[in-house]
Amino acid sequence: MTRANYLGAPAAFNLSQACRILVEAYGYHIYLVGSCLVKRDYRDVDVRCILDDDEFDAMFPGISETWYVDARWSIQNVALSEWLAARTGLPIDFQFQRRTQANEDFDGDRQPLGIFVRPKDSE
């Protein structure tokens, strides 16, 4: 049997619940990625908000190829990492990413977070 990830079930559910408000804020672009998808001894839990290039550029104006040292990008990532960590107890590494770079630099799996489905008769 293959595993969806190496988070425990309550932790995975709690992370998805905590990401629900991020889905409301940024759209259906929040993903679980990285080592926790493939190995039990992951170091941190990688959560990514992948924005369309124009959305990313509007949110982080003037950002260059050295986006990883941009003060605005950095503080927002740190703030959301700590916010998610406080709600889940997990070592979260949250990052905003521009879609073009996210797709160029990535070859693994992405699991959507914060999305829940209701049966039609429960509406």
N, C-alpha and C. Protein backbone atom coordinates (compact mmCIF):
# COMPACT_ATOMS: atom_id res chain seq x y z
N MET A 1 0.84 -1.19 0.00
CA MET A 1 0.00 0.00 0.00
C MET A 1 0.88 1.25 0.00
N THR A 2 0.63 2.16 -0.90
CA THR A 2 1.38 3.42 -0.93
C THR A 2 0.75 4.42 0.02
N ARG A 3 1.58 5.24 0.56
CA ARG A 3 1.12 6.28 1.49
C ARG A 3 0.95 7.59 0.74
N ALA A 4 -0.02 8.37 1.15
CA ALA A 4 -0.18 9.71 0.58
C ALA A 4 0.94 10.61 1.08
N ASN A 5 1.32 10.45 2.35
CA ASN A 5 2.41 11.21 2.96
C ASN A 5 2.79 10.52 4.27
N TYR A 6 3.82 11.03 4.92
CA TYR A 6 4.28 10.44 6.17
C TYR A 6 3.88 11.26 7.39
N LEU A 7 2.91 12.13 7.24
CA LEU A 7 2.31 12.78 8.40
C LEU A 7 1.32 11.80 8.99
N GLY A 8 1.11 11.84 10.28
CA GLY A 8 0.05 11.04 10.84
C GLY A 8 -1.30 11.57 10.38
N ALA A 9 -2.32 10.73 10.42
CA ALA A 9 -3.64 11.16 9.95
C ALA A 9 -4.15 12.41 10.67
N PRO A 10 -4.13 12.47 12.01
CA PRO A 10 -4.62 13.69 12.66
C PRO A 10 -3.82 14.93 12.25
N ALA A 11 -2.49 14.79 12.11
CA ALA A 11 -1.66 15.94 11.71
C ALA A 11 -1.99 16.38 10.28
N ALA A 12 -2.19 15.42 9.39
CA ALA A 12 -2.52 15.75 8.00
C ALA A 12 -3.88 16.45 7.92
N PHE A 13 -4.86 15.94 8.66
CA PHE A 13 -6.18 16.57 8.66
C PHE A 13 -6.11 17.97 9.25
N ASN A 14 -5.36 18.11 10.34
CA ASN A 14 -5.23 19.40 11.00
C ASN A 14 -4.53 20.41 10.08
N LEU A 15 -3.51 19.97 9.35
CA LEU A 15 -2.82 20.86 8.41
C LEU A 15 -3.78 21.32 7.31
N SER A 16 -4.56 20.41 6.78
CA SER A 16 -5.50 20.79 5.73
C SER A 16 -6.55 21.77 6.26
N GLN A 17 -7.01 21.53 7.49
CA GLN A 17 -7.97 22.47 8.10
C GLN A 17 -7.35 23.85 8.27
N ALA A 18 -6.09 23.89 8.76
CA ALA A 18 -5.42 25.17 8.96
C ALA A 18 -5.20 25.89 7.63
N CYS A 19 -4.99 25.14 6.56
CA CYS A 19 -4.76 25.74 5.23
C CYS A 19 -6.05 26.23 4.58
N ARG A 20 -7.18 25.87 5.13
CA ARG A 20 -8.46 26.28 4.54
C ARG A 20 -8.56 27.80 4.41
N ILE A 21 -8.13 28.52 5.43
CA ILE A 21 -8.20 29.98 5.36
C ILE A 21 -7.22 30.53 4.32
N LEU A 22 -6.10 29.84 4.09
CA LEU A 22 -5.17 30.26 3.05
C LEU A 22 -5.77 30.06 1.66
N VAL A 23 -6.54 28.99 1.50
CA VAL A 23 -7.25 28.77 0.24
C VAL A 23 -8.23 29.91 0.01
N GLU A 24 -8.92 30.32 1.06
CA GLU A 24 -9.86 31.45 0.94
C GLU A 24 -9.11 32.73 0.55
N ALA A 25 -7.93 32.92 1.13
CA ALA A 25 -7.18 34.14 0.90
C ALA A 25 -6.47 34.17 -0.46
N TYR A 26 -5.94 33.02 -0.90
CA TYR A 26 -5.08 33.00 -2.08
C TYR A 26 -5.60 32.13 -3.21
N GLY A 27 -6.68 31.43 -3.01
CA GLY A 27 -7.21 30.55 -4.05
C GLY A 27 -6.73 29.12 -3.87
N TYR A 28 -7.14 28.26 -4.76
CA TYR A 28 -6.83 26.83 -4.65
C TYR A 28 -5.42 26.54 -5.15
N HIS A 29 -4.45 27.09 -4.46
CA HIS A 29 -3.06 26.95 -4.89
C HIS A 29 -2.16 26.54 -3.74
N ILE A 30 -2.67 25.93 -2.69
CA ILE A 30 -1.87 25.56 -1.52
C ILE A 30 -1.59 24.06 -1.59
N TYR A 31 -0.30 23.72 -1.53
CA TYR A 31 0.09 22.32 -1.73
C TYR A 31 1.07 21.84 -0.66
N LEU A 32 0.95 20.57 -0.34
CA LEU A 32 1.94 19.86 0.46
C LEU A 32 2.92 19.24 -0.53
N VAL A 33 4.21 19.50 -0.34
CA VAL A 33 5.24 18.99 -1.24
C VAL A 33 6.42 18.50 -0.39
N GLY A 34 7.42 17.97 -1.04
CA GLY A 34 8.68 17.71 -0.37
C GLY A 34 8.82 16.35 0.29
N SER A 35 9.77 16.28 1.20
CA SER A 35 10.21 15.00 1.76
C SER A 35 9.15 14.28 2.58
N CYS A 36 8.21 15.00 3.19
CA CYS A 36 7.19 14.30 3.99
C CYS A 36 6.26 13.45 3.13
N LEU A 37 6.32 13.65 1.81
CA LEU A 37 5.53 12.82 0.90
C LEU A 37 6.21 11.49 0.60
N VAL A 38 7.51 11.43 0.83
CA VAL A 38 8.25 10.24 0.40
C VAL A 38 9.03 9.52 1.47
N LYS A 39 9.28 10.17 2.63
CA LYS A 39 10.05 9.47 3.66
C LYS A 39 9.56 9.80 5.06
N ARG A 40 9.68 8.80 5.90
CA ARG A 40 9.22 8.90 7.29
C ARG A 40 10.05 9.91 8.10
N ASP A 41 11.33 10.03 7.82
CA ASP A 41 12.20 10.90 8.61
C ASP A 41 12.40 12.28 7.95
N TYR A 42 11.29 12.91 7.56
CA TYR A 42 11.35 14.25 6.97
C TYR A 42 11.84 15.25 8.03
N ARG A 43 12.50 16.31 7.56
CA ARG A 43 13.00 17.35 8.45
C ARG A 43 11.93 18.40 8.74
N ASP A 44 11.21 18.77 7.69
CA ASP A 44 10.16 19.77 7.84
C ASP A 44 9.03 19.44 6.87
N VAL A 45 7.95 20.18 7.01
CA VAL A 45 6.76 19.96 6.19
C VAL A 45 6.65 21.15 5.23
N ASP A 46 6.88 20.87 3.97
CA ASP A 46 6.91 21.91 2.94
C ASP A 46 5.50 22.19 2.43
N VAL A 47 5.05 23.43 2.62
CA VAL A 47 3.75 23.89 2.14
C VAL A 47 4.03 25.04 1.18
N ARG A 48 3.44 24.97 -0.01
CA ARG A 48 3.67 25.99 -1.02
C ARG A 48 2.36 26.62 -1.48
N CYS A 49 2.41 27.93 -1.64
CA CYS A 49 1.31 28.67 -2.27
C CYS A 49 1.83 29.09 -3.63
N ILE A 50 1.34 28.44 -4.67
CA ILE A 50 1.80 28.70 -6.03
C ILE A 50 0.83 29.70 -6.67
N LEU A 51 1.38 30.88 -6.95
CA LEU A 51 0.58 31.96 -7.53
C LEU A 51 0.90 32.11 -9.01
N ASP A 52 -0.12 32.50 -9.78
CA ASP A 52 0.15 32.87 -11.18
C ASP A 52 1.21 33.96 -11.17
N ASP A 53 2.02 34.00 -12.21
CA ASP A 53 3.14 34.94 -12.26
C ASP A 53 2.70 36.38 -11.99
N ASP A 54 1.59 36.81 -12.60
CA ASP A 54 1.14 38.19 -12.41
C ASP A 54 0.66 38.43 -10.98
N GLU A 55 0.04 37.44 -10.33
CA GLU A 55 -0.36 37.58 -8.93
C GLU A 55 0.87 37.69 -8.03
N PHE A 56 1.85 36.83 -8.29
CA PHE A 56 3.09 36.86 -7.51
C PHE A 56 3.77 38.22 -7.65
N ASP A 57 3.88 38.71 -8.89
CA ASP A 57 4.53 39.99 -9.14
C ASP A 57 3.79 41.15 -8.50
N ALA A 58 2.46 41.09 -8.45
CA ALA A 58 1.68 42.14 -7.80
C ALA A 58 1.87 42.09 -6.27
N MET A 59 1.98 40.90 -5.73
CA MET A 59 2.14 40.74 -4.28
C MET A 59 3.55 41.11 -3.82
N PHE A 60 4.52 40.84 -4.68
CA PHE A 60 5.93 41.11 -4.37
C PHE A 60 6.54 41.95 -5.49
N PRO A 61 6.14 43.22 -5.58
CA PRO A 61 6.60 44.06 -6.70
C PRO A 61 8.11 44.28 -6.67
N GLY A 62 8.69 44.28 -7.87
CA GLY A 62 10.11 44.56 -7.99
C GLY A 62 11.01 43.41 -7.59
N ILE A 63 10.43 42.27 -7.28
CA ILE A 63 11.26 41.13 -6.87
C ILE A 63 12.06 40.65 -8.08
N SER A 64 13.27 40.25 -7.84
CA SER A 64 14.16 39.85 -8.94
C SER A 64 14.50 38.37 -8.85
N GLU A 65 15.56 37.98 -9.55
CA GLU A 65 16.00 36.59 -9.48
C GLU A 65 16.45 36.21 -8.06
N THR A 66 16.74 37.21 -7.24
CA THR A 66 17.16 36.95 -5.87
C THR A 66 15.97 37.08 -4.91
N TRP A 67 14.84 36.55 -5.34
CA TRP A 67 13.61 36.61 -4.54
C TRP A 67 13.81 36.04 -3.14
N TYR A 68 14.71 35.08 -2.99
CA TYR A 68 14.89 34.42 -1.70
C TYR A 68 15.53 35.33 -0.65
N VAL A 69 16.00 36.53 -1.04
CA VAL A 69 16.49 37.49 -0.06
C VAL A 69 15.63 38.75 -0.03
N ASP A 70 14.45 38.70 -0.63
CA ASP A 70 13.52 39.83 -0.61
C ASP A 70 12.85 39.90 0.77
N ALA A 71 12.89 41.06 1.40
CA ALA A 71 12.37 41.22 2.76
C ALA A 71 10.87 40.92 2.87
N ARG A 72 10.07 41.42 1.94
CA ARG A 72 8.63 41.21 1.98
C ARG A 72 8.29 39.72 1.81
N TRP A 73 8.91 39.09 0.82
CA TRP A 73 8.69 37.66 0.57
C TRP A 73 9.09 36.85 1.80
N SER A 74 10.25 37.17 2.35
CA SER A 74 10.79 36.43 3.49
C SER A 74 9.89 36.53 4.72
N ILE A 75 9.49 37.75 5.08
CA ILE A 75 8.70 37.91 6.32
C ILE A 75 7.32 37.28 6.18
N GLN A 76 6.72 37.35 4.99
CA GLN A 76 5.41 36.71 4.82
C GLN A 76 5.52 35.19 4.89
N ASN A 77 6.59 34.64 4.33
CA ASN A 77 6.80 33.19 4.43
C ASN A 77 7.02 32.77 5.87
N VAL A 78 7.86 33.50 6.58
CA VAL A 78 8.15 33.18 7.98
C VAL A 78 6.89 33.29 8.82
N ALA A 79 6.14 34.37 8.62
CA ALA A 79 4.93 34.58 9.41
C ALA A 79 3.93 33.44 9.19
N LEU A 80 3.72 33.05 7.94
CA LEU A 80 2.77 31.97 7.68
C LEU A 80 3.33 30.62 8.11
N SER A 81 4.63 30.42 8.03
CA SER A 81 5.24 29.18 8.55
C SER A 81 4.97 29.05 10.04
N GLU A 82 5.23 30.12 10.77
CA GLU A 82 5.02 30.08 12.22
C GLU A 82 3.54 29.98 12.58
N TRP A 83 2.68 30.64 11.82
CA TRP A 83 1.24 30.57 12.08
C TRP A 83 0.74 29.14 11.89
N LEU A 84 1.14 28.51 10.77
CA LEU A 84 0.73 27.12 10.54
C LEU A 84 1.34 26.17 11.57
N ALA A 85 2.59 26.40 11.93
CA ALA A 85 3.25 25.55 12.93
C ALA A 85 2.52 25.63 14.27
N ALA A 86 2.10 26.84 14.65
CA ALA A 86 1.40 27.02 15.93
C ALA A 86 0.05 26.30 15.93
N ARG A 87 -0.59 26.19 14.79
CA ARG A 87 -1.90 25.53 14.71
C ARG A 87 -1.81 24.03 14.51
N THR A 88 -0.67 23.55 14.03
CA THR A 88 -0.57 22.12 13.72
C THR A 88 0.43 21.35 14.56
N GLY A 89 1.39 22.06 15.16
CA GLY A 89 2.46 21.37 15.88
C GLY A 89 3.50 20.77 14.95
N LEU A 90 3.42 21.07 13.66
CA LEU A 90 4.35 20.53 12.66
C LEU A 90 5.43 21.56 12.34
N PRO A 91 6.64 21.10 11.95
CA PRO A 91 7.70 22.02 11.55
C PRO A 91 7.47 22.49 10.11
N ILE A 92 6.71 23.56 9.95
CA ILE A 92 6.26 24.01 8.63
C ILE A 92 7.30 24.90 7.96
N ASP A 93 7.51 24.67 6.67
CA ASP A 93 8.27 25.56 5.79
C ASP A 93 7.30 26.01 4.70
N PHE A 94 6.68 27.19 4.91
CA PHE A 94 5.72 27.74 3.96
C PHE A 94 6.46 28.70 3.03
N GLN A 95 6.12 28.64 1.73
CA GLN A 95 6.69 29.59 0.78
C GLN A 95 5.69 29.94 -0.32
N PHE A 96 5.67 31.23 -0.67
CA PHE A 96 4.99 31.65 -1.88
C PHE A 96 5.92 31.37 -3.05
N GLN A 97 5.35 30.91 -4.16
CA GLN A 97 6.15 30.66 -5.35
C GLN A 97 5.44 31.19 -6.58
N ARG A 98 6.23 31.71 -7.51
CA ARG A 98 5.73 32.11 -8.83
C ARG A 98 5.52 30.81 -9.62
N ARG A 99 4.40 30.69 -10.31
CA ARG A 99 4.05 29.45 -11.01
C ARG A 99 5.15 28.99 -11.98
N THR A 100 5.71 29.92 -12.75
CA THR A 100 6.73 29.54 -13.71
C THR A 100 7.91 28.86 -13.02
N GLN A 101 8.44 29.48 -11.95
CA GLN A 101 9.57 28.88 -11.24
C GLN A 101 9.16 27.60 -10.53
N ALA A 102 7.98 27.57 -9.97
CA ALA A 102 7.52 26.36 -9.26
C ALA A 102 7.47 25.17 -10.21
N ASN A 103 7.01 25.39 -11.42
CA ASN A 103 6.93 24.30 -12.39
C ASN A 103 8.29 23.95 -12.98
N GLU A 104 9.17 24.93 -13.14
CA GLU A 104 10.51 24.65 -13.67
C GLU A 104 11.36 23.88 -12.67
N ASP A 105 11.27 24.23 -11.40
CA ASP A 105 12.15 23.68 -10.37
C ASP A 105 11.63 22.42 -9.72
N PHE A 106 10.49 21.91 -10.13
CA PHE A 106 9.83 20.86 -9.36
C PHE A 106 9.53 19.64 -10.22
N ASP A 107 9.83 18.47 -9.67
CA ASP A 107 9.52 17.24 -10.40
C ASP A 107 8.85 16.20 -9.51
N GLY A 108 8.43 16.58 -8.32
CA GLY A 108 7.78 15.64 -7.41
C GLY A 108 6.27 15.75 -7.45
N ASP A 109 5.66 15.23 -6.38
CA ASP A 109 4.20 15.29 -6.26
C ASP A 109 3.79 16.55 -5.50
N ARG A 110 2.55 16.94 -5.73
CA ARG A 110 1.91 18.03 -4.98
C ARG A 110 0.56 17.54 -4.52
N GLN A 111 0.29 17.72 -3.22
CA GLN A 111 -1.02 17.35 -2.69
C GLN A 111 -1.74 18.62 -2.27
N PRO A 112 -2.93 18.88 -2.84
CA PRO A 112 -3.66 20.09 -2.46
C PRO A 112 -4.08 20.04 -1.00
N LEU A 113 -4.04 21.21 -0.36
CA LEU A 113 -4.45 21.33 1.04
C LEU A 113 -5.60 22.33 1.15
N GLY A 114 -6.40 22.16 2.18
CA GLY A 114 -7.47 23.10 2.47
C GLY A 114 -8.70 22.97 1.61
N ILE A 115 -8.82 21.86 0.90
CA ILE A 115 -9.97 21.65 0.02
C ILE A 115 -10.78 20.48 0.57
N PHE A 116 -12.05 20.70 0.76
CA PHE A 116 -12.93 19.65 1.29
C PHE A 116 -14.13 19.49 0.37
N VAL A 117 -14.60 18.28 0.25
CA VAL A 117 -15.72 17.96 -0.64
C VAL A 117 -16.90 17.54 0.21
N ARG A 118 -18.06 18.06 -0.11
CA ARG A 118 -19.29 17.67 0.58
C ARG A 118 -20.16 16.90 -0.38
N PRO A 119 -20.84 15.85 0.11
CA PRO A 119 -21.81 15.18 -0.75
C PRO A 119 -22.91 16.15 -1.17
N LYS A 120 -23.46 15.96 -2.35
CA LYS A 120 -24.49 16.88 -2.86
C LYS A 120 -25.68 17.02 -1.94
N ASP A 121 -26.10 15.96 -1.29
CA ASP A 121 -27.29 16.04 -0.46
C ASP A 121 -27.06 16.77 0.86
N SER A 122 -25.83 17.19 1.17
CA SER A 122 -25.59 17.89 2.42
C SER A 122 -25.58 19.41 2.27
N GLU A 123 -25.84 19.91 1.08
CA GLU A 123 -25.81 21.36 0.84
C GLU A 123 -27.00 22.05 1.42
